[in-house]
Amino acid sequence: MRLRVEFTTEPFDLDEPPRHALVAREVVEGADLDAVDVGPFGNTAEGGSDAVLTAVDALLRKALDAGATRVSLQVNVIAEGEG
């Protein structure tokens, strides 16, 4: 099964990315995922279910440890031929 995760971390800082946002992005960029798209207001990553779920676990733990007060995420199953 393939999954797509979309996530944001808060609080926001429009002047400079906060540490928790940088840490979360480092987690997904360093994970064994097929596609990663990072942006100022949201991030998306895709891959096999084990890789995505492992990355989500690390993302939550590390972002919260780095000062995130909220992590919003959505996980979707990717239909065959999509993505």
Protein backbone atom coordinates (compact mmCIF):
# COMPACT_ATOMS: atom_id res chain seq x y z
CA MET A 1 0.00 0.00 0.00
CA ARG A 2 1.17 3.52 -0.83
CA LEU A 3 0.42 6.49 1.39
CA ARG A 4 0.60 10.27 1.12
CA VAL A 5 1.06 12.40 4.23
CA GLU A 6 0.45 16.14 4.30
CA PHE A 7 1.57 18.03 7.39
CA THR A 8 2.23 21.39 8.99
CA THR A 9 3.80 22.32 12.30
CA GLU A 10 2.98 25.31 14.47
CA PRO A 11 3.54 27.95 15.68
CA PHE A 12 4.25 29.75 12.41
CA ASP A 13 6.94 32.35 11.96
CA LEU A 14 6.75 34.23 8.67
CA ASP A 15 10.19 35.79 9.08
CA GLU A 16 12.22 32.65 9.70
CA PRO A 17 11.33 28.94 9.73
CA PRO A 18 11.12 27.74 13.33
CA ARG A 19 13.33 24.91 14.53
CA HIS A 20 10.41 22.46 14.71
CA ALA A 21 9.57 23.08 11.05
CA LEU A 22 13.16 22.52 9.98
CA VAL A 23 13.39 19.33 12.04
CA ALA A 24 10.15 17.98 10.57
CA ARG A 25 11.37 18.65 7.05
CA GLU A 26 14.72 16.99 7.80
CA VAL A 27 12.86 13.88 8.95
CA VAL A 28 10.87 13.48 5.73
CA GLU A 29 13.76 14.46 3.49
CA GLY A 30 15.96 11.84 5.19
CA ALA A 31 13.33 9.09 5.17
CA ASP A 32 13.07 6.34 2.59
CA LEU A 33 10.21 8.02 0.73
CA ASP A 34 9.49 8.24 -2.99
CA ALA A 35 8.45 11.88 -3.16
CA VAL A 36 8.84 14.83 -0.79
CA ASP A 37 7.58 18.36 -1.40
CA VAL A 38 8.32 20.97 1.26
CA GLY A 39 6.83 24.44 1.33
CA PRO A 40 6.37 27.36 3.69
CA PHE A 41 2.81 26.43 4.69
CA GLY A 42 2.65 22.70 4.13
CA ASN A 43 4.64 19.62 3.26
CA THR A 44 3.79 16.43 1.40
CA ALA A 45 5.53 13.07 1.29
CA GLU A 46 4.67 9.78 -0.42
CA GLY A 47 5.90 6.24 -0.20
CA GLY A 48 5.20 2.74 0.95
CA SER A 49 3.09 2.42 4.07
CA ASP A 50 5.93 1.26 6.33
CA ALA A 51 8.20 4.11 5.25
CA VAL A 52 5.49 6.75 5.61
CA LEU A 53 4.30 5.51 9.00
CA THR A 54 7.87 5.32 10.30
CA ALA A 55 8.51 8.86 9.07
CA VAL A 56 5.28 10.13 10.67
CA ASP A 57 6.28 8.63 14.02
CA ALA A 58 9.71 10.28 13.86
CA LEU A 59 8.23 13.54 12.58
CA LEU A 60 5.79 13.81 15.47
CA ARG A 61 8.34 12.95 18.14
CA LYS A 62 11.09 15.20 16.82
CA ALA A 63 8.90 18.18 15.92
CA LEU A 64 7.27 18.18 19.36
CA ASP A 65 10.67 17.84 21.03
CA ALA A 66 11.87 20.81 18.93
CA GLY A 67 9.07 23.07 20.19
CA ALA A 68 6.05 22.44 17.99
CA THR A 69 2.83 23.15 19.85
CA ARG A 70 0.67 21.63 17.15
CA VAL A 71 1.23 19.22 14.28
CA SER A 72 -1.57 18.86 11.76
CA LEU A 73 -1.40 15.93 9.42
CA GLN A 74 -3.49 13.98 7.01
CA VAL A 75 -2.67 10.53 5.69
CA ASN A 76 -4.29 9.22 2.52
CA VAL A 77 -4.08 5.91 0.71
CA ILE A 78 -2.91 6.48 -2.84
CA ALA A 79 -4.91 4.59 -5.43
CA GLU A 80 -2.99 2.51 -7.97
CA GLY A 81 -1.79 4.63 -10.84
CA GLU A 82 -2.04 7.83 -8.79
CA GLY A 83 0.93 9.77 -7.44
